[in-house]
Amino acid sequence: KWFFEAMAETYIPLVDMFDRLVDDNIPFCITMTLTPTLLSMMDDQLLRERFLSYLYKLMELSEKEVQRTKNMYQVSEVTKMYRDKLKRILHIYRDKYHGNIIDAFRKYKDIGCIELLASAATHGYLPLYEEYPEALNAQIQQGINTYKRYFGNSPKGFWLPECGYTPVLDEILIKHNIYYFICESHGIEYAVPRPEYGTYAPICSPRGVVAFGRDQESSKQVWSMDEGYPGDYDYRDFYRDIGYDLDYEYIKPYILPNGQRTHTGLKYYKITGKTEDKHIYIPENAIEKASIHAANFIFNRQQQIKYYSGGMTKPPIVVCPYDAELFGHWWFEGVDWLNFVIRKSVYDQNIYTLITPFKYLERYPKVQVAQPCPSSWGYQGYNEVWLNGSNDWIYRHIHKSVQRMTFLANRAVASSPLVERALNQAAREVMLAQSSDWAFIMKTGTMVEYAKNRTLAHLGRFNRLYHDISNNCIDENWLRDIEYIDNIFPDMDYSMYKSLEKPLPGISQALALSL
């Protein structure tokens, strides 16, 4: 359901925005990450078919809602808006791109409108594996392999999940020919020696990989629900949904199969205020407000750039990274806002230009050398979200599985196709257990049992594979079943877990030998 919502509310609307910008001959460039897991889901034939079914079902509901509300003042305009949006989403996905939305992103990458970054294979939170360089290498290498499989070329940049950085990563990124990554602002501000220009210029680690810092001011303007644009009272309220509001028997065909109420995506109220008293959403007012907020965002970036330009020997760069799903999903008008920002940046000002990190490095290759500080963009800026009393129990088990996987990669011999399949599946299970989503869900307290069960399931499958491979007793029928269940990364190569040739900086020789 998360995937379907992200496709319908974020990724396809973004492609629609790109299409319209190109049709209007508006030059633009934007930096994006499509994670390996997301790419695998976008490419999965079963999920493609189910996503179409999801759209058809939602279209059916929206048509029924248009009829139900035809005599209801204001509400009828909202239901028509949803119907028209869904028709366009369906047209773009089914008719224009024939169910392969990856083609759209590849097209815009190839013509230079999008700079795509690779990312870790299963969005593992990498700092918590800094004592296991093989795990870091495998996450990064498989992420890059997946990028190459879908986009052809080698990536220039790498998105560290949750901006989670530790200096141990530098050498692995360099090994895989990564030029740059993006980190949280204090990763730059607390670098050694202190960067001359703060986050307004990249720095280069002593190992040779470049770090761009996230700009705090632009982040707060967009991220903050209290102070940022998405909290404006004219914008659509995310939480008030007809899946909860309407008669149960009427809405039952469109909620969860077990009969549990859930969000449908059809929401008719605006934020209005902090109370539960909500007014009907007025799309025209919200779009007008998105235009106003885009102009305000541009004005603030102009002031930033003019202020810092005076004391710099090269133009400052303002790096503004956000979760893609903020646009369209969490912030319904977010894609419209981004569209206005791009168009107004091109036509309504001359203080700055839109640029991607690698293009900035090409123009201004001289970069100060400094060691970035360990950091993340999570709560409190470090590891607390992914390592705390709610989830710390998982790491001793995951770390043990990493040690065992490294042992298998070093010692096991793929003496037959069956053994090789088992080794590759073992590597998949380790990577899936490392997904930062499980620890995050445990911390937030939503669907905790699901997160625990997923972690335990992947660890359990790995442990059985480890036992079966070690004892030469692989059950091919069982292996076939779990290959079907966990079928991510068809190009998986277990050998990426082999011990690295030498310990990385900060990793003790004793630890390297123990692996």
Protein backbone atom coordinates (compact mmCIF):
# COMPACT_ATOMS: atom_id res chain seq x y z
CA LYS A 1 0.00 0.00 0.00
CA TRP A 2 2.90 2.35 0.80
CA PHE A 3 4.35 1.67 -2.63
CA PHE A 4 1.06 2.28 -4.44
CA GLU A 5 0.50 5.55 -2.60
CA ALA A 6 4.05 6.70 -3.33
CA MET A 7 3.64 5.89 -7.02
CA ALA A 8 0.25 7.57 -7.41
CA GLU A 9 0.89 10.60 -5.23
CA THR A 10 4.62 11.31 -5.68
CA TYR A 11 6.60 9.59 -8.41
CA ILE A 12 4.10 9.71 -11.28
CA PRO A 13 3.13 13.34 -10.47
CA LEU A 14 6.86 14.21 -10.52
CA VAL A 15 7.21 12.62 -13.95
CA ASP A 16 4.14 14.55 -15.07
CA MET A 17 5.82 17.74 -13.84
CA PHE A 18 9.02 16.90 -15.74
CA ASP A 19 6.99 16.23 -18.90
CA ARG A 20 5.22 19.57 -18.67
CA LEU A 21 8.45 21.47 -18.02
CA VAL A 22 10.06 19.95 -21.10
CA ASP A 23 6.92 20.57 -23.18
CA ASP A 24 7.14 24.24 -22.14
CA ASN A 25 10.87 24.38 -23.01
CA ILE A 26 11.82 25.24 -19.45
CA PRO A 27 15.42 24.24 -18.64
CA PHE A 28 15.72 22.58 -15.26
CA CYS A 29 17.97 20.27 -13.31
CA ILE A 30 17.20 18.41 -10.14
CA THR A 31 19.02 15.76 -8.11
CA MET A 32 17.11 12.63 -7.10
CA THR A 33 17.62 9.21 -5.59
CA LEU A 34 15.58 6.18 -6.54
CA THR A 35 16.68 3.62 -3.99
CA PRO A 36 17.48 0.06 -5.11
CA THR A 37 14.47 -1.30 -3.23
CA LEU A 38 12.16 1.23 -4.87
CA LEU A 39 13.59 0.50 -8.33
CA SER A 40 13.10 -3.22 -7.75
CA MET A 41 9.47 -2.63 -6.79
CA MET A 42 8.86 -0.35 -9.78
CA ASP A 43 10.24 -3.10 -12.03
CA ASP A 44 8.38 -6.00 -10.45
CA GLN A 45 5.75 -7.36 -12.84
CA LEU A 46 3.38 -8.49 -10.09
CA LEU A 47 3.51 -5.08 -8.39
CA ARG A 48 2.94 -3.36 -11.74
CA GLU A 49 -0.23 -5.37 -12.25
CA ARG A 50 -1.39 -4.78 -8.69
CA PHE A 51 -0.70 -1.06 -8.99
CA LEU A 52 -2.94 -0.87 -12.05
CA SER A 53 -5.65 -2.70 -10.10
CA TYR A 54 -5.15 -0.21 -7.27
CA LEU A 55 -5.61 2.70 -9.68
CA TYR A 56 -8.71 1.15 -11.25
CA LYS A 57 -10.25 0.61 -7.81
CA LEU A 58 -9.46 4.16 -6.76
CA MET A 59 -10.90 5.47 -10.02
CA GLU A 60 -14.08 3.53 -9.35
CA LEU A 61 -14.35 5.05 -5.89
CA SER A 62 -13.69 8.57 -7.18
CA GLU A 63 -16.43 8.21 -9.81
CA LYS A 64 -18.87 7.03 -7.13
CA GLU A 65 -17.86 9.99 -4.98
CA VAL A 66 -18.50 12.43 -7.83
CA GLN A 67 -22.04 11.06 -8.09
CA ARG A 68 -22.58 10.96 -4.33
CA THR A 69 -21.49 14.58 -3.82
CA LYS A 70 -22.90 16.18 -6.98
CA ASN A 71 -25.34 18.29 -4.95
CA MET A 72 -22.94 19.07 -2.10
CA TYR A 73 -21.55 22.60 -2.19
CA GLN A 74 -17.73 22.74 -2.47
CA VAL A 75 -17.26 19.03 -1.80
CA SER A 76 -18.30 18.22 -5.37
CA GLU A 77 -15.41 20.31 -6.70
CA VAL A 78 -12.95 18.35 -4.56
CA THR A 79 -14.26 14.98 -5.72
CA LYS A 80 -14.03 16.09 -9.36
CA MET A 81 -10.45 17.18 -8.75
CA TYR A 82 -9.53 13.72 -7.47
CA ARG A 83 -11.26 12.01 -10.38
CA ASP A 84 -9.39 14.16 -12.90
CA LYS A 85 -6.05 13.68 -11.14
CA LEU A 86 -6.48 9.93 -11.08
CA LYS A 87 -7.39 9.86 -14.77
CA ARG A 88 -4.18 11.70 -15.57
CA ILE A 89 -2.08 9.44 -13.32
CA LEU A 90 -3.56 6.39 -15.05
CA HIS A 91 -2.92 7.88 -18.50
CA ILE A 92 0.72 8.68 -17.73
CA TYR A 93 1.45 5.30 -16.20
CA ARG A 94 -0.52 2.96 -18.45
CA ASP A 95 -0.69 4.77 -21.78
CA LYS A 96 2.34 7.06 -21.93
CA TYR A 97 4.99 4.94 -20.19
CA HIS A 98 3.33 1.52 -20.58
CA GLY A 99 3.72 0.60 -16.94
CA ASN A 100 7.46 1.30 -16.82
CA ILE A 101 7.96 4.54 -14.93
CA ILE A 102 11.71 3.87 -14.65
CA ASP A 103 11.92 4.69 -18.36
CA ALA A 104 10.78 8.23 -17.60
CA PHE A 105 13.48 8.82 -15.01
CA ARG A 106 16.09 7.28 -17.32
CA LYS A 107 15.00 9.60 -20.12
CA TYR A 108 15.37 12.71 -18.00
CA LYS A 109 18.70 11.51 -16.65
CA ASP A 110 20.00 10.96 -20.17
CA ILE A 111 19.06 14.47 -21.34
CA GLY A 112 20.61 16.06 -18.25
CA CYS A 113 17.49 17.24 -16.42
CA ILE A 114 17.96 14.84 -13.51
CA GLU A 115 21.14 13.81 -11.72
CA LEU A 116 20.42 10.43 -10.15
CA LEU A 117 22.31 9.20 -7.11
CA ALA A 118 22.84 5.58 -6.17
CA SER A 119 22.03 4.45 -2.63
CA ALA A 120 22.52 1.52 -0.28
CA ALA A 121 20.94 -1.76 -1.35
CA THR A 122 18.22 -2.05 1.30
CA HIS A 123 18.48 1.39 2.90
CA GLY A 124 20.62 0.07 5.72
CA TYR A 125 21.66 2.67 8.28
CA LEU A 126 25.37 2.40 7.56
CA PRO A 127 27.03 3.96 10.66
CA LEU A 128 25.80 1.05 12.78
CA TYR A 129 27.91 -1.33 10.66
CA GLU A 130 31.15 0.63 10.72
CA GLU A 131 32.94 -2.26 12.43
CA TYR A 132 31.89 -4.56 9.59
CA PRO A 133 33.41 -3.12 6.40
CA GLU A 134 32.21 -6.12 4.38
CA ALA A 135 28.60 -5.22 5.23
CA LEU A 136 29.18 -1.61 4.20
CA ASN A 137 30.87 -2.71 0.99
CA ALA A 138 28.04 -5.10 0.11
CA GLN A 139 25.30 -2.51 0.73
CA ILE A 140 27.14 0.08 -1.37
CA GLN A 141 28.25 -2.27 -4.15
CA GLN A 142 24.81 -3.83 -4.60
CA GLY A 143 23.25 -0.37 -4.60
CA ILE A 144 25.62 0.72 -7.37
CA ASN A 145 25.05 -2.52 -9.31
CA THR A 146 21.30 -1.92 -9.21
CA TYR A 147 21.79 1.67 -10.39
CA LYS A 148 23.91 0.46 -13.33
CA ARG A 149 21.38 -2.23 -14.22
CA TYR A 150 18.60 0.31 -14.64
CA PHE A 151 20.47 3.40 -15.82
CA GLY A 152 23.51 2.07 -17.66
CA ASN A 153 26.24 4.41 -16.50
CA SER A 154 28.14 4.57 -13.21
CA PRO A 155 26.71 6.98 -10.61
CA LYS A 156 28.67 10.08 -9.68
CA GLY A 157 27.00 10.57 -6.30
CA PHE A 158 25.73 8.35 -3.50
CA TRP A 159 22.82 8.99 -1.14
CA LEU A 160 23.70 7.74 2.33
CA PRO A 161 20.42 6.49 3.88
CA GLU A 162 19.17 9.00 6.45
CA CYS A 163 22.32 11.04 5.64
CA GLY A 164 24.03 8.58 8.00
CA TYR A 165 27.76 9.22 7.71
CA THR A 166 30.83 7.78 9.39
CA PRO A 167 34.41 8.33 8.17
CA VAL A 168 34.86 4.60 7.54
CA LEU A 169 32.62 5.04 4.48
CA ASP A 170 35.11 7.29 2.66
CA GLU A 171 37.41 4.55 1.42
CA ILE A 172 34.57 2.28 0.31
CA LEU A 173 32.90 5.11 -1.65
CA ILE A 174 36.24 5.92 -3.29
CA LYS A 175 36.75 2.23 -4.10
CA HIS A 176 33.49 2.31 -6.05
CA ASN A 177 34.37 5.56 -7.89
CA ILE A 178 31.84 7.72 -6.06
CA TYR A 179 32.67 11.42 -6.29
CA TYR A 180 30.33 12.87 -3.68
CA PHE A 181 27.66 12.34 -1.06
CA ILE A 182 25.31 14.62 0.89
CA CYS A 183 25.44 14.85 4.67
CA GLU A 184 23.65 16.70 7.44
CA SER A 185 24.76 20.28 8.10
CA HIS A 186 26.72 19.53 11.29
CA GLY A 187 28.66 16.88 9.40
CA ILE A 188 30.22 19.83 7.56
CA GLU A 189 30.14 22.43 10.34
CA TYR A 190 32.05 20.18 12.78
CA ALA A 191 34.54 18.95 10.18
CA VAL A 192 38.27 19.10 10.95
CA PRO A 193 39.72 21.56 10.10
CA ARG A 194 36.70 23.85 10.25
CA PRO A 195 35.38 24.53 6.72
CA GLU A 196 35.92 28.09 5.58
CA TYR A 197 32.47 28.46 4.00
CA GLY A 198 30.34 26.19 6.18
CA THR A 199 27.64 24.35 4.24
CA TYR A 200 27.80 26.87 1.37
CA ALA A 201 30.66 24.98 -0.29
CA PRO A 202 31.53 21.28 -0.40
CA ILE A 203 34.55 19.83 1.37
CA CYS A 204 36.76 16.91 0.37
CA SER A 205 37.69 14.24 2.89
CA PRO A 206 41.38 13.31 3.17
CA ARG A 207 40.52 10.07 1.36
CA GLY A 208 39.20 12.04 -1.61
CA VAL A 209 35.39 11.89 -1.56
CA VAL A 210 33.45 15.17 -1.57
CA ALA A 211 30.72 16.02 0.95
CA PHE A 212 27.92 18.54 0.39
CA GLY A 213 26.08 19.78 3.48
CA ARG A 214 22.32 20.14 3.84
CA ASP A 215 21.18 23.75 4.20
CA GLN A 216 19.27 24.21 7.45
CA GLU A 217 17.31 27.34 6.55
CA SER A 218 15.73 25.96 3.38
CA SER A 219 15.14 22.67 5.15
CA LYS A 220 13.20 24.26 7.98
CA GLN A 221 11.03 26.29 5.60
CA VAL A 222 9.80 23.14 3.90
CA TRP A 223 10.08 20.38 6.50
CA SER A 224 8.64 22.06 9.57
CA MET A 225 4.93 21.34 10.05
CA ASP A 226 4.63 24.24 12.49
CA GLU A 227 6.78 26.87 10.77
CA GLY A 228 7.11 25.47 7.26
CA TYR A 229 4.89 25.82 4.22
CA PRO A 230 3.12 22.41 4.48
CA GLY A 231 1.35 23.49 7.67
CA ASP A 232 -0.49 26.37 6.00
CA TYR A 233 -4.19 26.25 6.82
CA ASP A 234 -5.24 26.38 3.15
CA TYR A 235 -3.41 23.17 2.30
CA ARG A 236 -5.14 19.81 2.33
CA ASP A 237 -5.25 17.95 5.62
CA PHE A 238 -3.40 14.63 5.39
CA TYR A 239 -5.16 12.78 8.19
CA ARG A 240 -8.87 13.35 7.47
CA ASP A 241 -9.78 10.65 4.94
CA ILE A 242 -13.06 9.19 3.69
CA GLY A 243 -11.73 5.74 4.58
CA TYR A 244 -12.56 6.69 8.16
CA ASP A 245 -15.35 9.23 7.62
CA LEU A 246 -17.87 7.44 5.40
CA ASP A 247 -20.39 4.68 6.12
CA TYR A 248 -18.62 1.37 6.67
CA GLU A 249 -20.66 -0.70 4.21
CA TYR A 250 -20.20 1.93 1.50
CA ILE A 251 -16.43 2.22 1.94
CA LYS A 252 -15.75 -1.45 2.76
CA PRO A 253 -14.77 -2.50 -0.82
CA TYR A 254 -12.03 0.17 -0.81
CA ILE A 255 -10.34 -0.41 2.55
CA LEU A 256 -8.11 -3.26 3.71
CA PRO A 257 -9.11 -6.83 2.75
CA ASN A 258 -9.55 -7.72 6.43
CA GLY A 259 -12.17 -4.98 6.77
CA GLN A 260 -9.97 -2.59 8.69
CA ARG A 261 -10.48 1.07 7.84
CA THR A 262 -7.52 2.81 6.23
CA HIS A 263 -6.58 5.84 4.18
CA THR A 264 -7.94 5.83 0.65
CA GLY A 265 -6.14 8.99 -0.48
CA LEU A 266 -9.43 10.87 -0.93
CA LYS A 267 -9.37 13.67 1.63
CA TYR A 268 -11.85 16.54 1.46
CA TYR A 269 -10.73 18.93 4.19
CA LYS A 270 -8.04 21.55 4.55
CA ILE A 271 -5.80 21.88 7.60
CA THR A 272 -7.89 24.86 8.79
CA GLY A 273 -6.29 24.98 12.23
CA LYS A 274 -5.03 22.89 15.12
CA THR A 275 -8.48 21.74 16.23
CA GLU A 276 -10.55 18.92 14.76
CA ASP A 277 -12.95 21.45 13.25
CA LYS A 278 -12.00 21.35 9.56
CA HIS A 279 -13.33 23.28 6.58
CA ILE A 280 -13.75 21.93 3.07
CA TYR A 281 -10.60 21.99 0.96
CA ILE A 282 -10.58 24.55 -1.87
CA PRO A 283 -8.05 23.47 -4.54
CA GLU A 284 -7.77 26.90 -6.18
CA ASN A 285 -6.82 28.58 -2.90
CA ALA A 286 -4.24 25.90 -2.16
CA ILE A 287 -2.59 26.23 -5.59
CA GLU A 288 -2.45 30.00 -5.21
CA LYS A 289 -0.82 29.55 -1.80
CA ALA A 290 1.74 27.14 -3.30
CA SER A 291 2.70 29.85 -5.80
CA ILE A 292 3.07 32.41 -3.01
CA HIS A 293 5.20 30.03 -0.97
CA ALA A 294 7.39 29.25 -3.98
CA ALA A 295 8.03 32.97 -4.44
CA ASN A 296 8.87 33.29 -0.74
CA PHE A 297 11.25 30.33 -0.93
CA ILE A 298 13.02 31.90 -3.91
CA PHE A 299 13.25 35.28 -2.17
CA ASN A 300 14.91 33.70 0.86
CA ARG A 301 17.41 31.79 -1.29
CA GLN A 302 18.26 35.02 -3.10
CA GLN A 303 18.98 36.76 0.20
CA GLN A 304 21.12 33.85 1.39
CA ILE A 305 23.15 33.77 -1.79
CA LYS A 306 23.64 37.53 -1.97
CA TYR A 307 24.76 37.63 1.66
CA TYR A 308 27.31 34.81 1.44
CA SER A 309 28.58 35.63 -2.05
CA GLY A 310 30.37 38.70 -0.71
CA GLY A 311 32.79 36.68 1.38
CA MET A 312 33.46 33.75 -0.95
CA THR A 313 35.88 33.21 -3.83
CA LYS A 314 33.31 31.12 -5.72
CA PRO A 315 29.51 31.12 -5.83
CA PRO A 316 27.87 29.54 -2.77
CA ILE A 317 25.77 26.43 -3.25
CA VAL A 318 22.56 25.88 -1.27
CA VAL A 319 21.76 22.16 -1.05
CA CYS A 320 18.09 21.45 -0.28
CA PRO A 321 17.43 17.69 0.12
CA TYR A 322 13.99 16.38 1.08
CA ASP A 323 12.23 13.01 1.18
CA ALA A 324 10.63 12.60 -2.24
CA GLU A 325 7.36 11.49 -0.64
CA LEU A 326 7.01 14.84 1.07
CA PHE A 327 5.93 16.10 -2.35
CA GLY A 328 2.43 14.94 -3.21
CA HIS A 329 2.00 12.33 -0.49
CA TRP A 330 2.54 14.08 2.84
CA TRP A 331 2.27 17.56 1.35
CA PHE A 332 -0.46 17.26 -1.26
CA GLU A 333 0.48 20.52 -2.99
CA GLY A 334 4.21 19.81 -2.79
CA VAL A 335 4.63 18.91 -6.46
CA ASP A 336 2.80 22.10 -7.47
CA TRP A 337 5.08 24.08 -5.15
CA LEU A 338 8.17 22.48 -6.67
CA ASN A 339 6.86 23.20 -10.16
CA PHE A 340 6.41 26.87 -9.24
CA VAL A 341 9.90 27.00 -7.69
CA ILE A 342 11.50 25.68 -10.87
CA ARG A 343 9.53 27.93 -13.22
CA LYS A 344 10.01 31.06 -11.11
CA SER A 345 13.71 30.28 -10.64
CA VAL A 346 14.13 30.21 -14.41
CA TYR A 347 12.03 33.25 -15.33
CA ASP A 348 11.50 35.49 -12.30
CA GLN A 349 15.02 36.05 -10.93
CA ASN A 350 18.69 36.26 -11.94
CA ILE A 351 20.52 35.81 -8.63
CA TYR A 352 21.06 32.05 -8.84
CA THR A 353 20.73 29.11 -11.22
CA LEU A 354 19.59 25.58 -10.53
CA ILE A 355 22.53 23.18 -10.49
CA THR A 356 23.33 19.62 -9.45
CA PRO A 357 26.23 18.72 -7.13
CA PHE A 358 28.39 17.12 -9.81
CA LYS A 359 27.89 20.02 -12.22
CA TYR A 360 28.95 22.36 -9.42
CA LEU A 361 32.12 20.30 -8.90
CA GLU A 362 32.86 20.41 -12.62
CA ARG A 363 32.64 24.21 -12.60
CA TYR A 364 34.42 24.72 -9.28
CA PRO A 365 36.75 21.74 -8.76
CA LYS A 366 38.94 23.37 -6.10
CA VAL A 367 37.58 22.10 -2.76
CA GLN A 368 38.85 22.52 0.81
CA VAL A 369 40.17 19.32 2.41
CA ALA A 370 38.52 18.53 5.75
CA GLN A 371 37.26 15.42 7.52
CA PRO A 372 33.44 15.44 7.84
CA CYS A 373 31.98 14.64 11.24
CA PRO A 374 29.84 11.54 11.94
CA SER A 375 26.22 12.65 11.54
CA SER A 376 22.72 11.91 10.30
CA TRP A 377 19.53 13.86 9.67
CA GLY A 378 17.65 11.82 12.27
CA TYR A 379 16.45 13.14 15.62
CA GLN A 380 19.35 14.71 17.58
CA GLY A 381 21.58 14.38 14.51
CA TYR A 382 23.26 11.05 15.15
CA ASN A 383 22.20 7.40 15.61
CA GLU A 384 19.50 7.68 18.27
CA VAL A 385 16.52 6.86 16.06
CA TRP A 386 18.02 3.58 14.83
CA LEU A 387 19.76 2.54 18.06
CA ASN A 388 17.75 2.88 21.26
CA GLY A 389 15.94 0.81 23.84
CA SER A 390 13.14 -0.11 21.43
CA ASN A 391 15.35 -1.68 18.77
CA ASP A 392 18.87 -2.24 20.11
CA TRP A 393 18.23 -5.98 20.49
CA ILE A 394 18.33 -6.54 16.73
CA TYR A 395 21.93 -5.52 16.15
CA ARG A 396 23.74 -8.36 17.89
CA HIS A 397 21.81 -10.76 15.69
CA ILE A 398 22.35 -8.79 12.47
CA HIS A 399 26.04 -8.32 13.25
CA LYS A 400 26.37 -12.07 13.81
CA SER A 401 24.69 -12.75 10.47
CA VAL A 402 27.14 -10.37 8.79
CA GLN A 403 30.08 -12.22 10.36
CA ARG A 404 28.65 -15.54 9.22
CA MET A 405 27.96 -14.24 5.72
CA THR A 406 31.54 -13.03 5.46
CA PHE A 407 32.73 -16.44 6.64
CA LEU A 408 30.61 -18.12 3.96
CA ALA A 409 31.84 -15.77 1.26
CA ASN A 410 35.46 -16.40 2.26
CA ARG A 411 35.27 -20.17 2.74
CA ALA A 412 32.32 -21.59 0.85
CA VAL A 413 32.78 -22.92 -2.66
CA ALA A 414 29.90 -22.61 -5.12
CA SER A 415 30.38 -26.22 -6.14
CA SER A 416 27.04 -26.36 -7.92
CA PRO A 417 24.32 -23.99 -9.13
CA LEU A 418 22.26 -24.98 -6.08
CA VAL A 419 24.99 -23.97 -3.63
CA GLU A 420 25.51 -20.69 -5.48
CA ARG A 421 21.78 -19.95 -5.32
CA ALA A 422 21.79 -20.64 -1.58
CA LEU A 423 24.80 -18.36 -1.02
CA ASN A 424 23.19 -15.55 -3.01
CA GLN A 425 19.91 -15.96 -1.12
CA ALA A 426 21.80 -15.84 2.17
CA ALA A 427 23.31 -12.51 1.09
CA ARG A 428 19.81 -11.22 0.23
CA GLU A 429 18.46 -12.17 3.63
CA VAL A 430 21.30 -10.39 5.45
CA MET A 431 20.72 -7.24 3.40
CA LEU A 432 16.97 -7.33 3.98
CA ALA A 433 17.49 -7.74 7.73
CA GLN A 434 19.70 -4.62 7.63
CA SER A 435 16.94 -2.37 6.29
CA SER A 436 16.72 0.72 8.51
CA ASP A 437 12.93 0.68 8.16
CA TRP A 438 12.56 -2.06 10.79
CA ALA A 439 14.46 -0.18 13.51
CA PHE A 440 12.69 3.05 12.56
CA ILE A 441 9.23 1.48 12.86
CA MET A 442 10.12 0.01 16.24
CA LYS A 443 11.20 3.45 17.43
CA THR A 444 8.07 5.24 16.18
CA GLY A 445 5.77 2.61 17.67
CA THR A 446 3.73 2.02 14.49
CA MET A 447 3.30 -1.56 13.25
CA VAL A 448 5.98 -2.71 15.69
CA GLU A 449 5.07 -6.39 15.44
CA TYR A 450 5.37 -6.24 11.67
CA ALA A 451 8.87 -4.74 11.92
CA LYS A 452 9.93 -7.33 14.49
CA ASN A 453 8.52 -10.18 12.42
CA ARG A 454 10.26 -8.99 9.26
CA THR A 455 13.60 -8.73 11.06
CA LEU A 456 13.22 -12.16 12.64
CA ALA A 457 12.02 -13.72 9.38
CA HIS A 458 15.06 -12.58 7.40
CA LEU A 459 17.43 -13.58 10.19
CA GLY A 460 15.72 -16.94 10.54
CA ARG A 461 15.99 -17.65 6.82
CA PHE A 462 19.64 -16.65 6.84
CA ASN A 463 20.42 -18.87 9.82
CA ARG A 464 18.83 -21.87 8.14
CA LEU A 465 20.73 -21.17 4.92
CA TYR A 466 23.96 -20.84 6.89
CA HIS A 467 23.31 -24.20 8.55
CA ASP A 468 22.31 -25.91 5.30
CA ILE A 469 25.25 -24.57 3.31
CA SER A 470 27.72 -25.42 6.09
CA ASN A 471 26.35 -28.97 6.35
CA ASN A 472 25.79 -29.53 2.63
CA CYS A 473 22.10 -30.28 3.11
CA ILE A 474 20.31 -27.60 1.08
CA ASP A 475 16.57 -28.17 0.65
CA GLU A 476 15.94 -27.02 -2.91
CA ASN A 477 12.15 -26.84 -2.54
CA TRP A 478 12.43 -24.59 0.53
CA LEU A 479 15.11 -22.50 -1.19
CA ARG A 480 12.82 -22.04 -4.20
CA ASP A 481 10.04 -20.85 -1.90
CA ILE A 482 12.13 -18.16 -0.20
CA GLU A 483 13.68 -17.11 -3.53
CA TYR A 484 10.11 -16.38 -4.63
CA ILE A 485 9.27 -14.50 -1.42
CA ASP A 486 12.50 -12.46 -1.24
CA ASN A 487 13.29 -12.05 -4.92
CA ILE A 488 15.03 -8.67 -4.79
CA PHE A 489 18.34 -8.19 -6.66
CA PRO A 490 18.39 -10.96 -9.30
CA ASP A 491 22.03 -10.03 -9.96
CA MET A 492 23.08 -10.73 -6.36
CA ASP A 493 26.67 -11.96 -6.01
CA TYR A 494 27.48 -13.29 -2.55
CA SER A 495 31.22 -12.74 -3.11
CA MET A 496 30.83 -9.02 -2.35
CA TYR A 497 30.80 -10.09 1.32
CA LYS A 498 34.36 -11.42 1.10
CA SER A 499 36.83 -9.83 3.50
CA LEU A 500 38.36 -6.67 2.14
CA GLU A 501 42.03 -6.76 1.23
CA LYS A 502 43.06 -4.60 4.16
CA PRO A 503 41.39 -3.10 7.23
CA LEU A 504 39.83 0.28 6.67
CA PRO A 505 40.92 3.33 8.70
CA GLY A 506 39.55 3.03 12.22
CA ILE A 507 39.03 -0.73 12.01
CA SER A 508 41.38 -2.71 14.22
CA GLN A 509 43.57 -5.43 12.75
CA ALA A 510 42.25 -7.81 15.39
CA LEU A 511 38.67 -7.27 14.27
CA ALA A 512 39.59 -7.72 10.63
CA LEU A 513 41.24 -11.03 11.47
CA SER A 514 38.29 -12.20 13.53
CA LEU A 515 36.00 -11.79 10.53
